[in-house]
Amino acid sequence: MKYRVIIEQDEDSIFIAEVPALPGCISQGNTRSEAIKNILEAIEVYLESLKAHGEPIPLVPCGV
């Protein structure tokens, strides 16, 4: 499954990564690469938590 990730750099030069389709799935890193690595881990943990609690996995329409 693919999810759109938004990465922005804050005023302290920290990269913030967020997944709009997964509310609350946010991570950060000192570099863009670190933020990407961290958000991929966060997505994995987020989806595992949904499965463990019997919650539906959000689907993202193709092309979004």
Protein backbone atom coordinates (compact mmCIF):
# COMPACT_ATOMS: atom_id res chain seq x y z
CA MET A 1 0.00 0.00 0.00
CA LYS A 2 1.28 3.48 -0.81
CA TYR A 3 0.53 6.57 1.23
CA ARG A 4 1.33 10.17 0.42
CA VAL A 5 3.90 11.64 2.78
CA ILE A 6 4.26 15.40 3.24
CA ILE A 7 7.65 16.62 4.42
CA GLU A 8 8.25 20.17 5.59
CA GLN A 9 11.21 21.81 7.24
CA ASP A 10 10.37 23.75 10.41
CA GLU A 11 11.93 26.95 11.74
CA ASP A 12 14.60 24.91 13.57
CA SER A 13 15.58 23.10 10.33
CA ILE A 14 14.01 19.83 11.51
CA PHE A 15 12.21 17.85 8.81
CA ILE A 16 8.62 16.95 9.77
CA ALA A 17 6.97 14.06 7.91
CA GLU A 18 3.22 13.47 8.01
CA VAL A 19 0.78 11.02 6.40
CA PRO A 20 -2.57 12.78 5.85
CA ALA A 21 -4.44 9.49 5.26
CA LEU A 22 -3.30 8.21 8.68
CA PRO A 23 -4.38 10.81 11.27
CA GLY A 24 -1.68 11.37 13.86
CA CYS A 25 1.00 9.52 11.88
CA ILE A 26 3.80 12.07 12.14
CA SER A 27 7.55 11.76 12.55
CA GLN A 28 10.65 13.89 12.14
CA GLY A 29 14.36 13.81 11.45
CA ASN A 30 17.41 16.03 11.35
CA THR A 31 17.72 15.32 7.61
CA ARG A 32 15.18 14.59 4.89
CA SER A 33 16.50 11.02 4.64
CA GLU A 34 16.16 10.49 8.37
CA ALA A 35 12.60 11.86 8.31
CA ILE A 36 11.69 9.45 5.49
CA LYS A 37 13.21 6.49 7.35
CA ASN A 38 11.36 7.46 10.52
CA ILE A 39 7.98 8.00 8.84
CA LEU A 40 8.23 4.60 7.11
CA GLU A 41 8.71 3.01 10.52
CA ALA A 42 5.83 5.09 11.92
CA ILE A 43 3.53 3.93 9.10
CA GLU A 44 4.43 0.30 9.81
CA VAL A 45 3.71 0.64 13.54
CA TYR A 46 0.50 2.60 12.85
CA LEU A 47 -0.85 -0.10 10.53
CA GLU A 48 0.17 -2.88 12.94
CA SER A 49 -1.74 -1.10 15.71
CA LEU A 50 -4.86 -0.81 13.54
CA LYS A 51 -4.70 -4.54 12.75
CA ALA A 52 -4.15 -5.46 16.40
CA HIS A 53 -7.24 -3.49 17.41
CA GLY A 54 -9.42 -4.76 14.57
CA GLU A 55 -9.65 -1.31 12.98
CA PRO A 56 -9.95 -0.88 9.21
CA ILE A 57 -6.84 0.02 7.21
CA PRO A 58 -7.40 3.33 5.36
CA LEU A 59 -7.27 2.84 1.61
CA VAL A 60 -5.96 5.54 -0.68
CA PRO A 61 -7.52 5.85 -4.15
CA CYS A 62 -5.15 5.19 -7.07
CA GLY A 63 -3.50 8.30 -8.42
CA VAL A 64 -3.70 10.22 -5.14
